[in-house]
Amino acid sequence: MSDPLHTLHVNILDRDYGVSCPPSEVDELKNSARLLDERMREIRRSGKIVGVDRIAVMAALNIAHELIKAQSELANYDRITEKQLAKLNDKIERALASARQLDL
């Protein structure tokens, strides 16, 4: 059976929101709300964007952009790691083959 939902109250840009989430995700949700609040406040302080809706959209776009960029970088690291592991595996195989020939 799934965890019962917990209602967490968060404050984002001076507005209160009740959000349901499993107890195991409360800390992540708090951190997410804090991040969103900080980003929205930064955008509001810049004075270039007016209106809570527009500020929220810009903050969401910025966070989504950072997420996509991080995912892309992670995928690139995965490719690099796979190549490095393949090279190491090849070296190990060659070393083992040489050791086997010496045993003969």
PDB file of N, CA and C in Angstrom:
ATOM      1  N   MET A   1       0.849  -1.185   0.000  1.00  0.00           N
ATOM      2  CA  MET A   1       0.000   0.000   0.000  1.00  0.00           C
ATOM      3  C   MET A   1       0.888   1.240   0.000  1.00  0.00           C
ATOM      4  N   SER A   2       0.513   2.267  -0.711  1.00  0.00           N
ATOM      5  CA  SER A   2       1.327   3.468  -0.805  1.00  0.00           C
ATOM      6  C   SER A   2       1.216   4.305   0.466  1.00  0.00           C
ATOM      7  N   ASP A   3       2.239   5.156   0.647  1.00  0.00           N
ATOM      8  CA  ASP A   3       2.246   6.043   1.811  1.00  0.00           C
ATOM      9  C   ASP A   3       1.057   6.991   1.756  1.00  0.00           C
ATOM     10  N   PRO A   4       0.480   7.318   2.920  1.00  0.00           N
ATOM     11  CA  PRO A   4      -0.575   8.324   2.927  1.00  0.00           C
ATOM     12  C   PRO A   4       0.045   9.681   2.586  1.00  0.00           C
ATOM     13  N   LEU A   5      -0.717  10.505   1.915  1.00  0.00           N
ATOM     14  CA  LEU A   5      -0.197  11.810   1.529  1.00  0.00           C
ATOM     15  C   LEU A   5      -0.177  12.761   2.712  1.00  0.00           C
ATOM     16  N   HIS A   6       0.815  13.604   2.713  1.00  0.00           N
ATOM     17  CA  HIS A   6       0.993  14.614   3.745  1.00  0.00           C
ATOM     18  C   HIS A   6       0.778  15.966   3.077  1.00  0.00           C
ATOM     19  N   THR A   7       0.058  16.861   3.715  1.00  0.00           N
ATOM     20  CA  THR A   7      -0.122  18.199   3.155  1.00  0.00           C
ATOM     21  C   THR A   7       0.929  19.113   3.751  1.00  0.00           C
ATOM     22  N   LEU A   8       1.753  19.638   2.887  1.00  0.00           N
ATOM     23  CA  LEU A   8       2.826  20.534   3.291  1.00  0.00           C
ATOM     24  C   LEU A   8       2.428  21.945   2.880  1.00  0.00           C
ATOM     25  N   HIS A   9       2.611  22.888   3.785  1.00  0.00           N
ATOM     26  CA  HIS A   9       2.306  24.283   3.476  1.00  0.00           C
ATOM     27  C   HIS A   9       3.620  24.999   3.188  1.00  0.00           C
ATOM     28  N   VAL A  10       3.689  25.592   2.002  1.00  0.00           N
ATOM     29  CA  VAL A  10       4.883  26.314   1.600  1.00  0.00           C
ATOM     30  C   VAL A  10       4.514  27.738   1.255  1.00  0.00           C
ATOM     31  N   ASN A  11       5.502  28.631   1.363  1.00  0.00           N
ATOM     32  CA  ASN A  11       5.294  30.028   1.035  1.00  0.00           C
ATOM     33  C   ASN A  11       6.204  30.361  -0.133  1.00  0.00           C
ATOM     34  N   ILE A  12       5.596  30.770  -1.228  1.00  0.00           N
ATOM     35  CA  ILE A  12       6.349  31.132  -2.423  1.00  0.00           C
ATOM     36  C   ILE A  12       5.936  32.537  -2.837  1.00  0.00           C
ATOM     37  N   LEU A  13       6.882  33.430  -2.845  1.00  0.00           N
ATOM     38  CA  LEU A  13       6.658  34.828  -3.198  1.00  0.00           C
ATOM     39  C   LEU A  13       5.474  35.415  -2.431  1.00  0.00           C
ATOM     40  N   ASP A  14       5.524  35.214  -1.126  1.00  0.00           N
ATOM     41  CA  ASP A  14       4.540  35.768  -0.190  1.00  0.00           C
ATOM     42  C   ASP A  14       3.129  35.211  -0.354  1.00  0.00           C
ATOM     43  N   ARG A  15       3.039  34.053  -0.974  1.00  0.00           N
ATOM     44  CA  ARG A  15       1.742  33.376  -1.088  1.00  0.00           C
ATOM     45  C   ARG A  15       1.873  31.976  -0.504  1.00  0.00           C
ATOM     46  N   ASP A  16       0.847  31.562   0.238  1.00  0.00           N
ATOM     47  CA  ASP A  16       0.857  30.236   0.847  1.00  0.00           C
ATOM     48  C   ASP A  16       0.177  29.221  -0.064  1.00  0.00           C
ATOM     49  N   TYR A  17       0.790  28.047  -0.132  1.00  0.00           N
ATOM     50  CA  TYR A  17       0.250  26.958  -0.942  1.00  0.00           C
ATOM     51  C   TYR A  17       0.271  25.684  -0.117  1.00  0.00           C
ATOM     52  N   GLY A  18      -0.797  24.916  -0.208  1.00  0.00           N
ATOM     53  CA  GLY A  18      -0.836  23.591   0.392  1.00  0.00           C
ATOM     54  C   GLY A  18      -0.576  22.568  -0.698  1.00  0.00           C
ATOM     55  N   VAL A  19       0.426  21.723  -0.481  1.00  0.00           N
ATOM     56  CA  VAL A  19       0.817  20.743  -1.488  1.00  0.00           C
ATOM     57  C   VAL A  19       0.840  19.367  -0.849  1.00  0.00           C
ATOM     58  N   SER A  20       0.192  18.411  -1.504  1.00  0.00           N
ATOM     59  CA  SER A  20       0.188  17.039  -0.992  1.00  0.00           C
ATOM     60  C   SER A  20       1.371  16.274  -1.551  1.00  0.00           C
ATOM     61  N   CYS A  21       1.988  15.487  -0.672  1.00  0.00           N
ATOM     62  CA  CYS A  21       3.100  14.644  -1.114  1.00  0.00           C
ATOM     63  C   CYS A  21       3.282  13.522  -0.099  1.00  0.00           C
ATOM     64  N   PRO A  22       3.926  12.441  -0.522  1.00  0.00           N
ATOM     65  CA  PRO A  22       4.222  11.361   0.424  1.00  0.00           C
ATOM     66  C   PRO A  22       5.199  11.865   1.485  1.00  0.00           C
ATOM     67  N   PRO A  23       5.115  11.354   2.690  1.00  0.00           N
ATOM     68  CA  PRO A  23       6.032  11.786   3.759  1.00  0.00           C
ATOM     69  C   PRO A  23       7.502  11.650   3.364  1.00  0.00           C
ATOM     70  N   SER A  24       7.816  10.669   2.548  1.00  0.00           N
ATOM     71  CA  SER A  24       9.210  10.452   2.155  1.00  0.00           C
ATOM     72  C   SER A  24       9.745  11.552   1.235  1.00  0.00           C
ATOM     73  N   GLU A  25       8.862  12.396   0.707  1.00  0.00           N
ATOM     74  CA  GLU A  25       9.283  13.443  -0.225  1.00  0.00           C
ATOM     75  C   GLU A  25       9.145  14.844   0.351  1.00  0.00           C
ATOM     76  N   VAL A  26       8.837  14.957   1.634  1.00  0.00           N
ATOM     77  CA  VAL A  26       8.611  16.263   2.251  1.00  0.00           C
ATOM     78  C   VAL A  26       9.857  17.149   2.152  1.00  0.00           C
ATOM     79  N   ASP A  27      11.023  16.612   2.477  1.00  0.00           N
ATOM     80  CA  ASP A  27      12.245  17.427   2.442  1.00  0.00           C
ATOM     81  C   ASP A  27      12.548  17.931   1.035  1.00  0.00           C
ATOM     82  N   GLU A  28      12.381  17.059   0.037  1.00  0.00           N
ATOM     83  CA  GLU A  28      12.632  17.473  -1.337  1.00  0.00           C
ATOM     84  C   GLU A  28      11.655  18.554  -1.774  1.00  0.00           C
ATOM     85  N   LEU A  29      10.402  18.419  -1.355  1.00  0.00           N
ATOM     86  CA  LEU A  29       9.403  19.425  -1.712  1.00  0.00           C
ATOM     87  C   LEU A  29       9.719  20.758  -1.041  1.00  0.00           C
ATOM     88  N   LYS A  30      10.145  20.728   0.215  1.00  0.00           N
ATOM     89  CA  LYS A  30      10.529  21.964   0.901  1.00  0.00           C
ATOM     90  C   LYS A  30      11.688  22.637   0.169  1.00  0.00           C
ATOM     91  N   ASN A  31      12.681  21.843  -0.215  1.00  0.00           N
ATOM     92  CA  ASN A  31      13.826  22.392  -0.935  1.00  0.00           C
ATOM     93  C   ASN A  31      13.412  22.954  -2.292  1.00  0.00           C
ATOM     94  N   SER A  32      12.498  22.275  -2.958  1.00  0.00           N
ATOM     95  CA  SER A  32      12.001  22.752  -4.254  1.00  0.00           C
ATOM     96  C   SER A  32      11.265  24.075  -4.096  1.00  0.00           C
ATOM     97  N   ALA A  33      10.439  24.175  -3.079  1.00  0.00           N
ATOM     98  CA  ALA A  33       9.689  25.409  -2.833  1.00  0.00           C
ATOM     99  C   ALA A  33      10.644  26.547  -2.482  1.00  0.00           C
ATOM    100  N   ARG A  34      11.658  26.253  -1.709  1.00  0.00           N
ATOM    101  CA  ARG A  34      12.644  27.277  -1.330  1.00  0.00           C
ATOM    102  C   ARG A  34      13.396  27.767  -2.579  1.00  0.00           C
ATOM    103  N   LEU A  35      13.805  26.836  -3.436  1.00  0.00           N
ATOM    104  CA  LEU A  35      14.496  27.199  -4.670  1.00  0.00           C
ATOM    105  C   LEU A  35      13.600  28.067  -5.555  1.00  0.00           C
ATOM    106  N   LEU A  36      12.370  27.654  -5.736  1.00  0.00           N
ATOM    107  CA  LEU A  36      11.441  28.420  -6.576  1.00  0.00           C
ATOM    108  C   LEU A  36      11.210  29.811  -5.998  1.00  0.00           C
ATOM    109  N   ASP A  37      11.035  29.893  -4.690  1.00  0.00           N
ATOM    110  CA  ASP A  37      10.836  31.186  -4.042  1.00  0.00           C
ATOM    111  C   ASP A  37      12.042  32.094  -4.267  1.00  0.00           C
ATOM    112  N   GLU A  38      13.243  31.557  -4.102  1.00  0.00           N
ATOM    113  CA  GLU A  38      14.459  32.349  -4.311  1.00  0.00           C
ATOM    114  C   GLU A  38      14.547  32.850  -5.746  1.00  0.00           C
ATOM    115  N   ARG A  39      14.288  31.964  -6.697  1.00  0.00           N
ATOM    116  CA  ARG A  39      14.384  32.351  -8.102  1.00  0.00           C
ATOM    117  C   ARG A  39      13.340  33.405  -8.461  1.00  0.00           C
ATOM    118  N   MET A  40      12.128  33.228  -7.950  1.00  0.00           N
ATOM    119  CA  MET A  40      11.079  34.202  -8.251  1.00  0.00           C
ATOM    120  C   MET A  40      11.410  35.559  -7.639  1.00  0.00           C
ATOM    121  N   ARG A  41      11.974  35.555  -6.443  1.00  0.00           N
ATOM    122  CA  ARG A  41      12.369  36.815  -5.805  1.00  0.00           C
ATOM    123  C   ARG A  41      13.480  37.505  -6.596  1.00  0.00           C
ATOM    124  N   GLU A  42      14.434  36.731  -7.094  1.00  0.00           N
ATOM    125  CA  GLU A  42      15.507  37.301  -7.923  1.00  0.00           C
ATOM    126  C   GLU A  42      14.922  37.979  -9.162  1.00  0.00           C
ATOM    127  N   ILE A  43      13.987  37.308  -9.805  1.00  0.00           N
ATOM    128  CA  ILE A  43      13.375  37.855 -11.019  1.00  0.00           C
ATOM    129  C   ILE A  43      12.578  39.110 -10.688  1.00  0.00           C
ATOM    130  N   ARG A  44      11.847  39.077  -9.580  1.00  0.00           N
ATOM    131  CA  ARG A  44      11.059  40.250  -9.192  1.00  0.00           C
ATOM    132  C   ARG A  44      11.979  41.431  -8.869  1.00  0.00           C
ATOM    133  N   ARG A  45      13.113  41.159  -8.187  1.00  0.00           N
ATOM    134  CA  ARG A  45      14.056  42.228  -7.854  1.00  0.00           C
ATOM    135  C   ARG A  45      14.677  42.865  -9.100  1.00  0.00           C
ATOM    136  N   SER A  46      14.827  42.084 -10.147  1.00  0.00           N
ATOM    137  CA  SER A  46      15.422  42.632 -11.372  1.00  0.00           C
ATOM    138  C   SER A  46      14.555  43.729 -11.955  1.00  0.00           C
ATOM    139  N   GLY A  47      13.259  43.684 -11.670  1.00  0.00           N
ATOM    140  CA  GLY A  47      12.341  44.722 -12.131  1.00  0.00           C
ATOM    141  C   GLY A  47      11.993  44.652 -13.608  1.00  0.00           C
ATOM    142  N   LYS A  48      12.514  43.650 -14.308  1.00  0.00           N
ATOM    143  CA  LYS A  48      12.256  43.559 -15.746  1.00  0.00           C
ATOM    144  C   LYS A  48      10.936  42.876 -16.061  1.00  0.00           C
ATOM    145  N   ILE A  49      10.449  42.072 -15.111  1.00  0.00           N
ATOM    146  CA  ILE A  49       9.219  41.313 -15.348  1.00  0.00           C
ATOM    147  C   ILE A  49       8.222  41.665 -14.257  1.00  0.00           C
ATOM    148  N   VAL A  50       7.003  41.960 -14.675  1.00  0.00           N
ATOM    149  CA  VAL A  50       5.952  42.352 -13.742  1.00  0.00           C
ATOM    150  C   VAL A  50       4.857  41.291 -13.776  1.00  0.00           C
ATOM    151  N   GLY A  51       4.306  41.005 -12.637  1.00  0.00           N
ATOM    152  CA  GLY A  51       3.205  40.055 -12.543  1.00  0.00           C
ATOM    153  C   GLY A  51       3.688  38.702 -12.045  1.00  0.00           C
ATOM    154  N   VAL A  52       2.999  38.189 -11.050  1.00  0.00           N
ATOM    155  CA  VAL A  52       3.388  36.928 -10.433  1.00  0.00           C
ATOM    156  C   VAL A  52       3.377  35.776 -11.436  1.00  0.00           C
ATOM    157  N   ASP A  53       2.387  35.759 -12.314  1.00  0.00           N
ATOM    158  CA  ASP A  53       2.316  34.684 -13.311  1.00  0.00           C
ATOM    159  C   ASP A  53       3.541  34.682 -14.215  1.00  0.00           C
ATOM    160  N   ARG A  54       3.918  35.842 -14.699  1.00  0.00           N
ATOM    161  CA  ARG A  54       5.081  35.932 -15.587  1.00  0.00           C
ATOM    162  C   ARG A  54       6.368  35.608 -14.842  1.00  0.00           C
ATOM    163  N   ILE A  55       6.461  36.066 -13.607  1.00  0.00           N
ATOM    164  CA  ILE A  55       7.640  35.754 -12.788  1.00  0.00           C
ATOM    165  C   ILE A  55       7.743  34.244 -12.590  1.00  0.00           C
ATOM    166  N   ALA A  56       6.611  33.604 -12.310  1.00  0.00           N
ATOM    167  CA  ALA A  56       6.600  32.155 -12.098  1.00  0.00           C
ATOM    168  C   ALA A  56       7.011  31.411 -13.362  1.00  0.00           C
ATOM    169  N   VAL A  57       6.510  31.857 -14.502  1.00  0.00           N
ATOM    170  CA  VAL A  57       6.860  31.204 -15.772  1.00  0.00           C
ATOM    171  C   VAL A  57       8.342  31.370 -16.057  1.00  0.00           C
ATOM    172  N   MET A  58       8.875  32.558 -15.857  1.00  0.00           N
ATOM    173  CA  MET A  58      10.303  32.779 -16.111  1.00  0.00           C
ATOM    174  C   MET A  58      11.159  31.947 -15.164  1.00  0.00           C
ATOM    175  N   ALA A  59      10.776  31.867 -13.902  1.00  0.00           N
ATOM    176  CA  ALA A  59      11.523  31.042 -12.946  1.00  0.00           C
ATOM    177  C   ALA A  59      11.466  29.577 -13.359  1.00  0.00           C
ATOM    178  N   ALA A  60      10.294  29.115 -13.760  1.00  0.00           N
ATOM    179  CA  ALA A  60      10.144  27.724 -14.193  1.00  0.00           C
ATOM    180  C   ALA A  60      10.979  27.451 -15.435  1.00  0.00           C
ATOM    181  N   LEU A  61      10.990  28.383 -16.381  1.00  0.00           N
ATOM    182  CA  LEU A  61      11.800  28.213 -17.590  1.00  0.00           C
ATOM    183  C   LEU A  61      13.290  28.153 -17.250  1.00  0.00           C
ATOM    184  N   ASN A  62      13.731  29.033 -16.352  1.00  0.00           N
ATOM    185  CA  ASN A  62      15.139  29.027 -15.958  1.00  0.00           C
ATOM    186  C   ASN A  62      15.525  27.715 -15.279  1.00  0.00           C
ATOM    187  N   ILE A  63      14.678  27.232 -14.391  1.00  0.00           N
ATOM    188  CA  ILE A  63      14.959  25.979 -13.688  1.00  0.00           C
ATOM    189  C   ILE A  63      14.914  24.807 -14.663  1.00  0.00           C
ATOM    190  N   ALA A  64      13.943  24.806 -15.572  1.00  0.00           N
ATOM    191  CA  ALA A  64      13.859  23.734 -16.570  1.00  0.00           C
ATOM    192  C   ALA A  64      15.095  23.734 -17.470  1.00  0.00           C
ATOM    193  N   HIS A  65      15.560  24.917 -17.852  1.00  0.00           N
ATOM    194  CA  HIS A  65      16.766  25.030 -18.675  1.00  0.00           C
ATOM    195  C   HIS A  65      17.971  24.444 -17.937  1.00  0.00           C
ATOM    196  N   GLU A  66      18.115  24.785 -16.668  1.00  0.00           N
ATOM    197  CA  GLU A  66      19.217  24.249 -15.872  1.00  0.00           C
ATOM    198  C   GLU A  66      19.132  22.732 -15.750  1.00  0.00           C
ATOM    199  N   LEU A  67      17.922  22.221 -15.596  1.00  0.00           N
ATOM    200  CA  LEU A  67      17.726  20.773 -15.496  1.00  0.00           C
ATOM    201  C   LEU A  67      18.136  20.082 -16.790  1.00  0.00           C
ATOM    202  N   ILE A  68      17.688  20.611 -17.911  1.00  0.00           N
ATOM    203  CA  ILE A  68      18.021  20.005 -19.200  1.00  0.00           C
ATOM    204  C   ILE A  68      19.520  20.075 -19.453  1.00  0.00           C
ATOM    205  N   LYS A  69      20.128  21.187 -19.105  1.00  0.00           N
ATOM    206  CA  LYS A  69      21.576  21.336 -19.267  1.00  0.00           C
ATOM    207  C   LYS A  69      22.316  20.323 -18.389  1.00  0.00           C
ATOM    208  N   ALA A  70      21.879  20.160 -17.147  1.00  0.00           N
ATOM    209  CA  ALA A  70      22.513  19.203 -16.240  1.00  0.00           C
ATOM    210  C   ALA A  70      22.340  17.774 -16.736  1.00  0.00           C
ATOM    211  N   GLN A  71      21.152  17.456 -17.263  1.00  0.00           N
ATOM    212  CA  GLN A  71      20.916  16.113 -17.800  1.00  0.00           C
ATOM    213  C   GLN A  71      21.811  15.846 -19.001  1.00  0.00           C
ATOM    214  N   SER A  72      21.985  16.850 -19.833  1.00  0.00           N
ATOM    215  CA  SER A  72      22.849  16.710 -21.005  1.00  0.00           C
ATOM    216  C   SER A  72      24.299  16.496 -20.582  1.00  0.00           C
ATOM    217  N   GLU A  73      24.751  17.263 -19.606  1.00  0.00           N
ATOM    218  CA  GLU A  73      26.115  17.105 -19.100  1.00  0.00           C
ATOM    219  C   GLU A  73      26.305  15.728 -18.475  1.00  0.00           C
ATOM    220  N   LEU A  74      25.306  15.270 -17.747  1.00  0.00           N
ATOM    221  CA  LEU A  74      25.385  13.949 -17.132  1.00  0.00           C
ATOM    222  C   LEU A  74      25.464  12.856 -18.190  1.00  0.00           C
ATOM    223  N   ALA A  75      24.668  12.993 -19.244  1.00  0.00           N
ATOM    224  CA  ALA A  75      24.709  12.021 -20.340  1.00  0.00           C
ATOM    225  C   ALA A  75      26.078  12.033 -21.007  1.00  0.00           C
ATOM    226  N   ASN A  76      26.660  13.220 -21.143  1.00  0.00           N
ATOM    227  CA  ASN A  76      27.993  13.329 -21.735  1.00  0.00           C
ATOM    228  C   ASN A  76      29.024  12.648 -20.835  1.00  0.00           C
ATOM    229  N   TYR A  77      28.924  12.862 -19.536  1.00  0.00           N
ATOM    230  CA  TYR A  77      29.840  12.193 -18.597  1.00  0.00           C
ATOM    231  C   TYR A  77      29.672  10.678 -18.680  1.00  0.00           C
ATOM    232  N   ASP A  78      28.425  10.231 -18.836  1.00  0.00           N
ATOM    233  CA  ASP A  78      28.178   8.790 -18.970  1.00  0.00           C
ATOM    234  C   ASP A  78      28.879   8.232 -20.206  1.00  0.00           C
ATOM    235  N   ARG A  79      28.787   8.958 -21.324  1.00  0.00           N
ATOM    236  CA  ARG A  79      29.456   8.505 -22.556  1.00  0.00           C
ATOM    237  C   ARG A  79      30.969   8.465 -22.369  1.00  0.00           C
ATOM    238  N   ILE A  80      31.518   9.497 -21.747  1.00  0.00           N
ATOM    239  CA  ILE A  80      32.962   9.546 -21.506  1.00  0.00           C
ATOM    240  C   ILE A  80      33.375   8.400 -20.595  1.00  0.00           C
ATOM    241  N   THR A  81      32.606   8.167 -19.540  1.00  0.00           N
ATOM    242  CA  THR A  81      32.913   7.086 -18.604  1.00  0.00           C
ATOM    243  C   THR A  81      32.858   5.734 -19.293  1.00  0.00           C
ATOM    244  N   GLU A  82      31.854   5.532 -20.145  1.00  0.00           N
ATOM    245  CA  GLU A  82      31.752   4.268 -20.878  1.00  0.00           C
ATOM    246  C   GLU A  82      32.969   4.048 -21.764  1.00  0.00           C
ATOM    247  N   LYS A  83      33.427   5.110 -22.440  1.00  0.00           N
ATOM    248  CA  LYS A  83      34.616   4.999 -23.283  1.00  0.00           C
ATOM    249  C   LYS A  83      35.844   4.670 -22.449  1.00  0.00           C
ATOM    250  N   GLN A  84      35.985   5.334 -21.314  1.00  0.00           N
ATOM    251  CA  GLN A  84      37.137   5.085 -20.447  1.00  0.00           C
ATOM    252  C   GLN A  84      37.101   3.661 -19.902  1.00  0.00           C
ATOM    253  N   LEU A  85      35.924   3.193 -19.521  1.00  0.00           N
ATOM    254  CA  LEU A  85      35.801   1.820 -19.024  1.00  0.00           C
ATOM    255  C   LEU A  85      36.117   0.804 -20.114  1.00  0.00           C
ATOM    256  N   ALA A  86      35.699   1.078 -21.333  1.00  0.00           N
ATOM    257  CA  ALA A  86      36.001   0.182 -22.447  1.00  0.00           C
ATOM    258  C   ALA A  86      37.505   0.117 -22.685  1.00  0.00           C
ATOM    259  N   LYS A  87      38.193   1.264 -22.615  1.00  0.00           N
ATOM    260  CA  LYS A  87      39.647   1.290 -22.777  1.00  0.00           C
ATOM    261  C   LYS A  87      40.331   0.504 -21.657  1.00  0.00           C
ATOM    262  N   LEU A  88      39.869   0.714 -20.422  1.00  0.00           N
ATOM    263  CA  LEU A  88      40.444  -0.016 -19.292  1.00  0.00           C
ATOM    264  C   LEU A  88      40.213  -1.515 -19.434  1.00  0.00           C
ATOM    265  N   ASN A  89      39.021  -1.884 -19.845  1.00  0.00           N
ATOM    266  CA  ASN A  89      38.696  -3.298 -20.045  1.00  0.00           C
ATOM    267  C   ASN A  89      39.602  -3.904 -21.113  1.00  0.00           C
ATOM    268  N   ASP A  90      39.827  -3.156 -22.188  1.00  0.00           N
ATOM    269  CA  ASP A  90      40.709  -3.628 -23.253  1.00  0.00           C
ATOM    270  C   ASP A  90      42.133  -3.828 -22.733  1.00  0.00           C
ATOM    271  N   LYS A  91      42.624  -2.878 -21.949  1.00  0.00           N
ATOM    272  CA  LYS A  91      43.972  -3.005 -21.368  1.00  0.00           C
ATOM    273  C   LYS A  91      44.058  -4.218 -20.449  1.00  0.00           C
ATOM    274  N   ILE A  92      43.029  -4.428 -19.655  1.00  0.00           N
ATOM    275  CA  ILE A  92      43.011  -5.578 -18.746  1.00  0.00           C
ATOM    276  C   ILE A  92      43.023  -6.873 -19.537  1.00  0.00           C
ATOM    277  N   GLU A  93      42.198  -6.927 -20.582  1.00  0.00           N
ATOM    278  CA  GLU A  93      42.147  -8.134 -21.425  1.00  0.00           C
ATOM    279  C   GLU A  93      43.502  -8.408 -22.066  1.00  0.00           C
ATOM    280  N   ARG A  94      44.169  -7.371 -22.565  1.00  0.00           N
ATOM    281  CA  ARG A  94      45.493  -7.551 -23.170  1.00  0.00           C
ATOM    282  C   ARG A  94      46.509  -8.014 -22.133  1.00  0.00           C
ATOM    283  N   ALA A  95      46.449  -7.414 -20.940  1.00  0.00           N
ATOM    284  CA  ALA A  95      47.374  -7.809 -19.873  1.00  0.00           C
ATOM    285  C   ALA A  95      47.139  -9.263 -19.467  1.00  0.00           C
ATOM    286  N   LEU A  96      45.888  -9.671 -19.368  1.00  0.00           N
ATOM    287  CA  LEU A  96      45.575 -11.062 -19.019  1.00  0.00           C
ATOM    288  C   LEU A  96      46.038 -12.016 -20.112  1.00  0.00           C
ATOM    289  N   ALA A  97      45.846 -11.605 -21.365  1.00  0.00           N
ATOM    290  CA  ALA A  97      46.292 -12.449 -22.481  1.00  0.00           C
ATOM    291  C   ALA A  97      47.813 -12.605 -22.444  1.00  0.00           C
ATOM    292  N   SER A  98      48.525 -11.520 -22.156  1.00  0.00           N
ATOM    293  CA  SER A  98      49.989 -11.592 -22.054  1.00  0.00           C
ATOM    294  C   SER A  98      50.405 -12.487 -20.894  1.00  0.00           C
ATOM    295  N   ALA A  99      49.700 -12.371 -19.780  1.00  0.00           N
ATOM    296  CA  ALA A  99      50.033 -13.191 -18.612  1.00  0.00           C
ATOM    297  C   ALA A  99      49.793 -14.673 -18.897  1.00  0.00           C
ATOM    298  N   ARG A 100      48.722 -14.956 -19.639  1.00  0.00           N
ATOM    299  CA  ARG A 100      48.424 -16.353 -19.995  1.00  0.00           C
ATOM    300  C   ARG A 100      49.527 -16.923 -20.896  1.00  0.00           C
ATOM    301  N   GLN A 101      50.033 -16.109 -21.809  1.00  0.00           N
ATOM    302  CA  GLN A 101      51.087 -16.574 -22.711  1.00  0.00           C
ATOM    303  C   GLN A 101      52.387 -16.835 -21.931  1.00  0.00           C
ATOM    304  N   LEU A 102      52.623 -16.031 -20.903  1.00  0.00           N
ATOM    305  CA  LEU A 102      53.829 -16.234 -20.095  1.00  0.00           C
ATOM    306  C   LEU A 102      53.728 -17.511 -19.275  1.00  0.00           C
ATOM    307  N   ASP A 103      52.523 -17.884 -18.892  1.00  0.00           N
ATOM    308  CA  ASP A 103      52.297 -19.112 -18.113  1.00  0.00           C
ATOM    309  C   ASP A 103      52.526 -20.364 -18.961  1.00  0.00           C
ATOM    310  N   LEU A 104      52.419 -20.220 -20.269  1.00  0.00           N
ATOM    311  CA  LEU A 104      52.580 -21.381 -21.153  1.00  0.00           C
ATOM    312  C   LEU A 104      54.008 -21.701 -21.258  1.00  0.00           C
TER     313      LEU A 104
END
